[in-house]
Structures are given as C-alpha cells and as structure tokens.
C-alpha cells in the first residue's frame, strides 16, 4: 500500500471490506503565555467526518496515559489491542487522516513500530476532503474488533540518550516537526541543532489545531521557511 493516498483513491475505495479509515485529530490550543493545551478531536469528529471513518484517540487509547510525558507510546501489546478495537486486524488496510497538524502521521509511524505496514495517510487530510466538496457523515462508526499481532521494531524509536548523542554526530540528522514557533525559539521544546521541517497543510473548516494568541479559531498555516538541512542520516525520536 502506498504511504500516501489521494481523496480520489479513498472516495473510490471507501466501501472496500478490508479498509479501515480513522480520524486521528488532536486539538491544540496555543495560549497567550506561550504554552499550549492538547485535547481530543473527538467532538470535531462528531460534528462531521469522512463517511465510514472511526476515531483514533491519541489523547487516551493510543497513548500511555500513566506516563508523565504527554503522548508517550503505550506498550506494543496495548497499542495493538486499541487498534484491534477500532477494527484493525492483521489483514486490514488502513487510511489515516487528521485536521492538519500531523497526528495521522504519528499513528502511521506507530503502526510501523508494531510491525504493520498496510497503512497510508490521506494526502491533504480532512482539509483536502472538505475543500473538494466530498460528503461528510455525523454517524459514529464501530467496526467489529479484530486481532492485530504485535511485531515490534524497537529501532524506530530513539531514546533521550540517543538524541542527545546525535546533536554532535555528523552522521545523524535531527528534524523538528513541531510548529514553527517552537523551532524559532518563540515556544519551548526545541532540540539544539535540529532542522525545521515546514508543514504543508490544507485549510479545514473544522481545524482548531492552530489558533491565534486570542484563542480564536484560525486555519492551519502553510509554513514557507526552512533552515538548510545538513547531509546526515535520519534518526527518529518519540515524544
């Protein structure tokens, strides 16, 4: 299965019996003090989503909620059980989308982490679907539970010490995929010498992941600046 699928492809294959579509949206509200708060995108899902799509909740079911670190990965067994409850089994194909800040890509990566490769991200996400006037649904979707067998790939996660060592390692590239404000120093959480990866998103009428300092809803930004990357090999950091 391709890593990216188009809205045309998804519209054609929505009724395929082995296809599971999941909305992975998380709402991020930036505050005036420079902090931010994440919350589940489930309420937006109920207001309108791609037909036959279920909701994958990264704020609870797909994270280790006992960890002090937000969005810490659960055990592979727990993650696979949660995906199985959403109807994802060993023989499924999965298409993931969100409202424009990259949460679908995180679930795609987590699926690869547990050994599942039959997943794709919807190119342009929910914004691409709505901008083309494609149909929406407000009906919740509950698929029969299936078994997803964990086959973990530990090398897909870099721990704190590996990232720290990579800062001064010319053989490794660190890529920051947080919002531009973080990378430029306007907000916390930037790793030294990381290269910024601009986000390319499609505006979505329901997108609440990127707000002005007043807290009002705005469309997702299309970042247009980047720091020139160094010629290094990539390493991924979880968190």
C-alpha atoms as a PDB file:
ATOM      1  CA  UNK A   1       0.000   0.000   0.000  1.00  0.00           C
ATOM      2  CA  UNK A   2       1.324   3.469  -0.861  1.00  0.00           C
ATOM      3  CA  UNK A   3       2.321   5.743   2.011  1.00  0.00           C
ATOM      4  CA  UNK A   4       0.010   8.495   0.715  1.00  0.00           C
ATOM      5  CA  UNK A   5      -3.397   8.097  -0.886  1.00  0.00           C
ATOM      6  CA  UNK A   6      -5.439  10.787  -2.600  1.00  0.00           C
ATOM      7  CA  UNK A   7      -9.008  11.820  -1.890  1.00  0.00           C
ATOM      8  CA  UNK A   8      -9.971  10.330  -5.264  1.00  0.00           C
ATOM      9  CA  UNK A   9      -8.489   6.969  -4.277  1.00  0.00           C
ATOM     10  CA  UNK A  10     -10.174   6.999  -0.887  1.00  0.00           C
ATOM     11  CA  UNK A  11     -13.541   8.001  -2.323  1.00  0.00           C
ATOM     12  CA  UNK A  12     -13.333   5.061  -4.730  1.00  0.00           C
ATOM     13  CA  UNK A  13     -12.304   2.537  -2.060  1.00  0.00           C
ATOM     14  CA  UNK A  14     -14.346   3.637   0.970  1.00  0.00           C
ATOM     15  CA  UNK A  15     -16.576   0.577   0.738  1.00  0.00           C
ATOM     16  CA  UNK A  16     -13.732  -1.957   0.449  1.00  0.00           C
ATOM     17  CA  UNK A  17     -14.392  -4.536   3.191  1.00  0.00           C
ATOM     18  CA  UNK A  18     -10.767  -4.680   4.367  1.00  0.00           C
ATOM     19  CA  UNK A  19     -10.293  -0.889   4.518  1.00  0.00           C
ATOM     20  CA  UNK A  20     -10.390   0.900   7.873  1.00  0.00           C
ATOM     21  CA  UNK A  21     -10.432   4.714   7.813  1.00  0.00           C
ATOM     22  CA  UNK A  22      -9.520   6.563  11.009  1.00  0.00           C
ATOM     23  CA  UNK A  23      -9.702  10.219  12.025  1.00  0.00           C
ATOM     24  CA  UNK A  24      -6.667  10.873  14.256  1.00  0.00           C
ATOM     25  CA  UNK A  25      -7.208  14.560  15.019  1.00  0.00           C
ATOM     26  CA  UNK A  26      -5.986  16.239  18.201  1.00  0.00           C
ATOM     27  CA  UNK A  27      -6.929  19.841  19.014  1.00  0.00           C
ATOM     28  CA  UNK A  28      -4.041  22.053  20.150  1.00  0.00           C
ATOM     29  CA  UNK A  29      -4.838  25.443  21.636  1.00  0.00           C
ATOM     30  CA  UNK A  30      -1.958  27.894  21.977  1.00  0.00           C
ATOM     31  CA  UNK A  31      -2.183  30.199  24.986  1.00  0.00           C
ATOM     32  CA  UNK A  32      -1.160  33.805  25.498  1.00  0.00           C
ATOM     33  CA  UNK A  33       1.580  32.785  27.953  1.00  0.00           C
ATOM     34  CA  UNK A  34       3.339  30.733  25.272  1.00  0.00           C
ATOM     35  CA  UNK A  35       2.046  27.377  26.479  1.00  0.00           C
ATOM     36  CA  UNK A  36      -0.486  25.145  24.831  1.00  0.00           C
ATOM     37  CA  UNK A  37      -3.131  22.584  25.681  1.00  0.00           C
ATOM     38  CA  UNK A  38      -3.975  19.443  23.737  1.00  0.00           C
ATOM     39  CA  UNK A  39      -7.378  17.809  23.784  1.00  0.00           C
ATOM     40  CA  UNK A  40      -9.134  15.041  21.927  1.00  0.00           C
ATOM     41  CA  UNK A  41     -10.527  15.818  18.500  1.00  0.00           C
ATOM     42  CA  UNK A  42     -13.495  13.528  19.134  1.00  0.00           C
ATOM     43  CA  UNK A  43     -16.022  16.378  19.411  1.00  0.00           C
ATOM     44  CA  UNK A  44     -14.964  17.688  15.993  1.00  0.00           C
ATOM     45  CA  UNK A  45     -15.242  14.144  14.653  1.00  0.00           C
ATOM     46  CA  UNK A  46     -18.865  14.010  15.786  1.00  0.00           C
ATOM     47  CA  UNK A  47     -19.576  17.303  14.032  1.00  0.00           C
ATOM     48  CA  UNK A  48     -18.511  15.825  10.717  1.00  0.00           C
ATOM     49  CA  UNK A  49     -16.049  13.268   9.388  1.00  0.00           C
ATOM     50  CA  UNK A  50     -15.293  11.195   6.315  1.00  0.00           C
ATOM     51  CA  UNK A  51     -18.043   8.567   5.882  1.00  0.00           C
ATOM     52  CA  UNK A  52     -17.268   5.184   7.499  1.00  0.00           C
ATOM     53  CA  UNK A  53     -14.297   6.656   9.404  1.00  0.00           C
ATOM     54  CA  UNK A  54     -13.753   5.700  13.022  1.00  0.00           C
ATOM     55  CA  UNK A  55     -11.944   7.861  15.572  1.00  0.00           C
ATOM     56  CA  UNK A  56      -8.471   7.022  16.874  1.00  0.00           C
ATOM     57  CA  UNK A  57      -7.890   8.922  20.127  1.00  0.00           C
ATOM     58  CA  UNK A  58      -4.235   9.784  20.638  1.00  0.00           C
ATOM     59  CA  UNK A  59      -5.008  11.548  23.910  1.00  0.00           C
ATOM     60  CA  UNK A  60      -6.182   8.347  25.585  1.00  0.00           C
ATOM     61  CA  UNK A  61      -6.494   4.968  23.874  1.00  0.00           C
ATOM     62  CA  UNK A  62      -3.316   5.221  21.776  1.00  0.00           C
ATOM     63  CA  UNK A  63      -1.015   6.707  24.430  1.00  0.00           C
ATOM     64  CA  UNK A  64       0.371   5.670  27.791  1.00  0.00           C
ATOM     65  CA  UNK A  65      -1.829   7.843  29.984  1.00  0.00           C
ATOM     66  CA  UNK A  66       0.069   6.715  33.098  1.00  0.00           C
ATOM     67  CA  UNK A  67       3.248   8.367  31.837  1.00  0.00           C
ATOM     68  CA  UNK A  68       4.100  11.932  32.903  1.00  0.00           C
ATOM     69  CA  UNK A  69       5.088  12.552  29.248  1.00  0.00           C
ATOM     70  CA  UNK A  70       2.204  13.576  27.016  1.00  0.00           C
ATOM     71  CA  UNK A  71       1.575  11.178  24.120  1.00  0.00           C
ATOM     72  CA  UNK A  72       4.120   8.644  25.371  1.00  0.00           C
ATOM     73  CA  UNK A  73       3.779   5.429  23.397  1.00  0.00           C
ATOM     74  CA  UNK A  74       1.987   2.573  25.151  1.00  0.00           C
ATOM     75  CA  UNK A  75       3.316  -0.963  25.065  1.00  0.00           C
ATOM     76  CA  UNK A  76       3.065  -2.601  21.627  1.00  0.00           C
ATOM     77  CA  UNK A  77       0.506  -5.027  23.057  1.00  0.00           C
ATOM     78  CA  UNK A  78      -1.701  -2.237  24.390  1.00  0.00           C
ATOM     79  CA  UNK A  79      -1.458  -0.254  21.171  1.00  0.00           C
ATOM     80  CA  UNK A  80      -2.352  -3.290  19.055  1.00  0.00           C
ATOM     81  CA  UNK A  81      -5.297  -4.065  21.319  1.00  0.00           C
ATOM     82  CA  UNK A  82      -6.573  -0.496  20.940  1.00  0.00           C
ATOM     83  CA  UNK A  83      -6.209  -0.633  17.161  1.00  0.00           C
ATOM     84  CA  UNK A  84      -7.905  -4.023  17.146  1.00  0.00           C
ATOM     85  CA  UNK A  85     -10.854  -2.462  18.980  1.00  0.00           C
ATOM     86  CA  UNK A  86     -11.079   0.024  16.092  1.00  0.00           C
ATOM     87  CA  UNK A  87     -11.382  -2.839  13.621  1.00  0.00           C
ATOM     88  CA  UNK A  88      -7.758  -3.038  12.509  1.00  0.00           C
ATOM     89  CA  UNK A  89      -6.533  -6.606  12.064  1.00  0.00           C
ATOM     90  CA  UNK A  90      -3.536  -8.290  10.526  1.00  0.00           C
ATOM     91  CA  UNK A  91      -5.245  -8.390   7.121  1.00  0.00           C
ATOM     92  CA  UNK A  92      -6.645  -4.858   7.170  1.00  0.00           C
ATOM     93  CA  UNK A  93      -5.652  -1.857   5.129  1.00  0.00           C
ATOM     94  CA  UNK A  94      -5.750   1.457   6.972  1.00  0.00           C
ATOM     95  CA  UNK A  95      -6.097   5.080   5.847  1.00  0.00           C
ATOM     96  CA  UNK A  96      -5.402   7.762   8.444  1.00  0.00           C
ATOM     97  CA  UNK A  97      -6.232  11.456   8.350  1.00  0.00           C
ATOM     98  CA  UNK A  98      -6.420  14.494  10.636  1.00  0.00           C
ATOM     99  CA  UNK A  99      -7.262  18.186  10.569  1.00  0.00           C
ATOM    100  CA  UNK A 100      -3.836  19.314   9.522  1.00  0.00           C
ATOM    101  CA  UNK A 101      -1.028  19.122  12.089  1.00  0.00           C
ATOM    102  CA  UNK A 102       0.442  15.662  11.527  1.00  0.00           C
ATOM    103  CA  UNK A 103      -1.307  13.400  14.037  1.00  0.00           C
ATOM    104  CA  UNK A 104      -2.235  10.898  11.325  1.00  0.00           C
ATOM    105  CA  UNK A 105       1.451  10.523  10.501  1.00  0.00           C
ATOM    106  CA  UNK A 106       2.133   9.704  14.148  1.00  0.00           C
ATOM    107  CA  UNK A 107      -0.394   6.863  14.116  1.00  0.00           C
ATOM    108  CA  UNK A 108       1.074   5.681  10.789  1.00  0.00           C
ATOM    109  CA  UNK A 109       4.521   5.604  12.420  1.00  0.00           C
ATOM    110  CA  UNK A 110       3.188   3.772  15.483  1.00  0.00           C
ATOM    111  CA  UNK A 111       1.647   1.141  13.230  1.00  0.00           C
ATOM    112  CA  UNK A 112       5.011   0.649  11.550  1.00  0.00           C
ATOM    113  CA  UNK A 113       6.607   0.487  15.012  1.00  0.00           C
ATOM    114  CA  UNK A 114       4.434  -2.544  15.867  1.00  0.00           C
ATOM    115  CA  UNK A 115       5.183  -4.196  12.520  1.00  0.00           C
ATOM    116  CA  UNK A 116       2.117  -3.194  10.488  1.00  0.00           C
ATOM    117  CA  UNK A 117       2.879  -1.790   7.007  1.00  0.00           C
ATOM    118  CA  UNK A 118      -0.547  -1.758   5.335  1.00  0.00           C
ATOM    119  CA  UNK A 119      -1.326   1.839   6.338  1.00  0.00           C
ATOM    120  CA  UNK A 120      -1.417   5.144   4.458  1.00  0.00           C
ATOM    121  CA  UNK A 121      -2.008   8.799   5.242  1.00  0.00           C
ATOM    122  CA  UNK A 122      -4.627  10.775   3.312  1.00  0.00           C
ATOM    123  CA  UNK A 123      -2.773  13.388   1.258  1.00  0.00           C
ATOM    124  CA  UNK A 124      -4.040  16.796   2.391  1.00  0.00           C
ATOM    125  CA  UNK A 125      -6.024  15.310   5.252  1.00  0.00           C
ATOM    126  CA  UNK A 126      -9.524  16.384   6.226  1.00  0.00           C
ATOM    127  CA  UNK A 127      -8.996  19.785   4.620  1.00  0.00           C
ATOM    128  CA  UNK A 128      -8.412  18.242   1.196  1.00  0.00           C
ATOM    129  CA  UNK A 129     -11.582  16.153   1.547  1.00  0.00           C
ATOM    130  CA  UNK A 130     -13.797  19.106   2.547  1.00  0.00           C
ATOM    131  CA  UNK A 131     -12.270  21.553   0.054  1.00  0.00           C
ATOM    132  CA  UNK A 132     -13.371  19.241  -2.758  1.00  0.00           C
ATOM    133  CA  UNK A 133     -16.935  19.148  -1.508  1.00  0.00           C
ATOM    134  CA  UNK A 134     -16.836  15.423  -0.762  1.00  0.00           C
ATOM    135  CA  UNK A 135     -19.526  14.022   1.554  1.00  0.00           C
ATOM    136  CA  UNK A 136     -19.328  14.064   5.345  1.00  0.00           C
ATOM    137  CA  UNK A 137     -21.058  11.991   7.992  1.00  0.00           C
ATOM    138  CA  UNK A 138     -22.009  12.609  11.612  1.00  0.00           C
ATOM    139  CA  UNK A 139     -22.657   8.940  12.388  1.00  0.00           C
ATOM    140  CA  UNK A 140     -20.260   7.211  14.780  1.00  0.00           C
ATOM    141  CA  UNK A 141     -18.607   4.132  13.325  1.00  0.00           C
ATOM    142  CA  UNK A 142     -17.994   0.993  15.377  1.00  0.00           C
ATOM    143  CA  UNK A 143     -16.362  -1.844  13.472  1.00  0.00           C
ATOM    144  CA  UNK A 144     -16.139  -5.422  14.769  1.00  0.00           C
ATOM    145  CA  UNK A 145     -12.993  -5.901  16.836  1.00  0.00           C
ATOM    146  CA  UNK A 146     -10.106  -7.717  15.181  1.00  0.00           C
ATOM    147  CA  UNK A 147      -6.722  -9.011  16.242  1.00  0.00           C
ATOM    148  CA  UNK A 148      -3.601  -7.034  15.379  1.00  0.00           C
ATOM    149  CA  UNK A 149      -0.500  -9.057  16.196  1.00  0.00           C
ATOM    150  CA  UNK A 150       2.418  -7.010  17.569  1.00  0.00           C
ATOM    151  CA  UNK A 151       5.799  -7.497  15.900  1.00  0.00           C
ATOM    152  CA  UNK A 152       7.721  -4.546  17.388  1.00  0.00           C
ATOM    153  CA  UNK A 153      10.561  -2.738  15.638  1.00  0.00           C
ATOM    154  CA  UNK A 154      12.420  -1.116  18.554  1.00  0.00           C
ATOM    155  CA  UNK A 155      14.865   0.631  16.203  1.00  0.00           C
ATOM    156  CA  UNK A 156      12.100   3.027  15.127  1.00  0.00           C
ATOM    157  CA  UNK A 157      12.270   4.803  18.498  1.00  0.00           C
ATOM    158  CA  UNK A 158      15.267   6.813  19.669  1.00  0.00           C
ATOM    159  CA  UNK A 159      15.567   7.390  23.400  1.00  0.00           C
ATOM    160  CA  UNK A 160      16.794  10.509  25.201  1.00  0.00           C
ATOM    161  CA  UNK A 161      20.442   9.440  25.235  1.00  0.00           C
ATOM    162  CA  UNK A 162      20.450   8.632  21.513  1.00  0.00           C
ATOM    163  CA  UNK A 163      19.012  12.032  20.637  1.00  0.00           C
ATOM    164  CA  UNK A 164      21.471  13.806  22.923  1.00  0.00           C
ATOM    165  CA  UNK A 165      24.372  11.976  21.267  1.00  0.00           C
ATOM    166  CA  UNK A 166      23.005  12.763  17.807  1.00  0.00           C
ATOM    167  CA  UNK A 167      23.293  16.522  18.362  1.00  0.00           C
ATOM    168  CA  UNK A 168      27.040  16.412  17.777  1.00  0.00           C
ATOM    169  CA  UNK A 169      27.054  13.446  15.390  1.00  0.00           C
ATOM    170  CA  UNK A 170      27.618  14.454  11.757  1.00  0.00           C
ATOM    171  CA  UNK A 171      26.203  11.104  10.620  1.00  0.00           C
ATOM    172  CA  UNK A 172      22.735  11.827  12.046  1.00  0.00           C
ATOM    173  CA  UNK A 173      20.060  14.388  11.134  1.00  0.00           C
ATOM    174  CA  UNK A 174      17.622  15.698  13.729  1.00  0.00           C
ATOM    175  CA  UNK A 175      14.393  17.030  12.209  1.00  0.00           C
ATOM    176  CA  UNK A 176      11.987  19.166  14.235  1.00  0.00           C
ATOM    177  CA  UNK A 177       8.369  18.697  13.108  1.00  0.00           C
ATOM    178  CA  UNK A 178       6.831  20.846  15.836  1.00  0.00           C
ATOM    179  CA  UNK A 179       5.168  24.154  14.827  1.00  0.00           C
ATOM    180  CA  UNK A 180       7.474  26.865  13.507  1.00  0.00           C
ATOM    181  CA  UNK A 181       7.180  28.955  16.696  1.00  0.00           C
ATOM    182  CA  UNK A 182       8.846  26.158  18.645  1.00  0.00           C
ATOM    183  CA  UNK A 183      11.728  25.835  16.218  1.00  0.00           C
ATOM    184  CA  UNK A 184      12.362  29.582  16.035  1.00  0.00           C
ATOM    185  CA  UNK A 185      12.533  29.891  19.821  1.00  0.00           C
ATOM    186  CA  UNK A 186       9.156  31.505  20.401  1.00  0.00           C
ATOM    187  CA  UNK A 187       7.988  28.493  22.389  1.00  0.00           C
ATOM    188  CA  UNK A 188       9.739  25.745  24.365  1.00  0.00           C
ATOM    189  CA  UNK A 189      10.605  22.202  23.276  1.00  0.00           C
ATOM    190  CA  UNK A 190      13.227  22.680  20.550  1.00  0.00           C
ATOM    191  CA  UNK A 191      16.210  20.307  20.406  1.00  0.00           C
ATOM    192  CA  UNK A 192      19.512  22.000  19.659  1.00  0.00           C
ATOM    193  CA  UNK A 193      20.780  21.832  16.039  1.00  0.00           C
ATOM    194  CA  UNK A 194      17.567  20.231  14.778  1.00  0.00           C
ATOM    195  CA  UNK A 195      16.480  21.149  11.255  1.00  0.00           C
ATOM    196  CA  UNK A 196      12.982  22.545  10.833  1.00  0.00           C
ATOM    197  CA  UNK A 197      10.629  20.652   8.519  1.00  0.00           C
ATOM    198  CA  UNK A 198       7.945  23.025   7.126  1.00  0.00           C
ATOM    199  CA  UNK A 199       4.348  21.843   7.362  1.00  0.00           C
ATOM    200  CA  UNK A 200       2.184  21.727   4.280  1.00  0.00           C
ATOM    201  CA  UNK A 201      -1.471  21.582   5.227  1.00  0.00           C
ATOM    202  CA  UNK A 202      -4.841  22.129   3.618  1.00  0.00           C
ATOM    203  CA  UNK A 203      -7.143  24.563   5.447  1.00  0.00           C
ATOM    204  CA  UNK A 204     -10.074  22.855   7.129  1.00  0.00           C
ATOM    205  CA  UNK A 205     -13.305  24.468   8.256  1.00  0.00           C
ATOM    206  CA  UNK A 206     -13.208  22.471  11.480  1.00  0.00           C
ATOM    207  CA  UNK A 207      -9.472  22.806  12.145  1.00  0.00           C
ATOM    208  CA  UNK A 208      -8.823  24.004  15.684  1.00  0.00           C
ATOM    209  CA  UNK A 209      -5.213  22.915  15.920  1.00  0.00           C
ATOM    210  CA  UNK A 210      -3.704  26.324  15.184  1.00  0.00           C
ATOM    211  CA  UNK A 211      -5.153  29.363  16.928  1.00  0.00           C
ATOM    212  CA  UNK A 212      -4.200  32.979  17.333  1.00  0.00           C
ATOM    213  CA  UNK A 213      -2.991  34.215  20.704  1.00  0.00           C
ATOM    214  CA  UNK A 214      -6.537  35.393  21.410  1.00  0.00           C
ATOM    215  CA  UNK A 215      -7.705  31.783  21.326  1.00  0.00           C
ATOM    216  CA  UNK A 216      -9.868  32.326  18.254  1.00  0.00           C
ATOM    217  CA  UNK A 217     -10.114  29.591  15.645  1.00  0.00           C
ATOM    218  CA  UNK A 218      -7.892  30.044  12.588  1.00  0.00           C
ATOM    219  CA  UNK A 219      -6.952  27.977   9.568  1.00  0.00           C
ATOM    220  CA  UNK A 220      -3.766  25.933   9.634  1.00  0.00           C
ATOM    221  CA  UNK A 221      -0.745  27.847   8.410  1.00  0.00           C
ATOM    222  CA  UNK A 222       1.348  26.936   5.388  1.00  0.00           C
ATOM    223  CA  UNK A 223       4.914  27.347   6.551  1.00  0.00           C
ATOM    224  CA  UNK A 224       7.235  28.696   3.877  1.00  0.00           C
ATOM    225  CA  UNK A 225      10.631  28.938   5.555  1.00  0.00           C
ATOM    226  CA  UNK A 226      13.200  26.334   6.462  1.00  0.00           C
ATOM    227  CA  UNK A 227      16.747  26.007   7.654  1.00  0.00           C
ATOM    228  CA  UNK A 228      19.010  24.317   5.128  1.00  0.00           C
ATOM    229  CA  UNK A 229      19.487  20.692   6.246  1.00  0.00           C
ATOM    230  CA  UNK A 230      22.843  19.132   6.818  1.00  0.00           C
ATOM    231  CA  UNK A 231      23.788  15.981   4.912  1.00  0.00           C
ATOM    232  CA  UNK A 232      23.160  13.392   7.614  1.00  0.00           C
ATOM    233  CA  UNK A 233      21.299  10.141   8.073  1.00  0.00           C
ATOM    234  CA  UNK A 234      17.915  10.410   9.828  1.00  0.00           C
ATOM    235  CA  UNK A 235      17.012   9.182  13.309  1.00  0.00           C
ATOM    236  CA  UNK A 236      13.513   9.370  14.802  1.00  0.00           C
ATOM    237  CA  UNK A 237      12.708  10.458  18.336  1.00  0.00           C
ATOM    238  CA  UNK A 238       9.466   9.539  20.065  1.00  0.00           C
ATOM    239  CA  UNK A 239       7.535  12.111  22.087  1.00  0.00           C
END
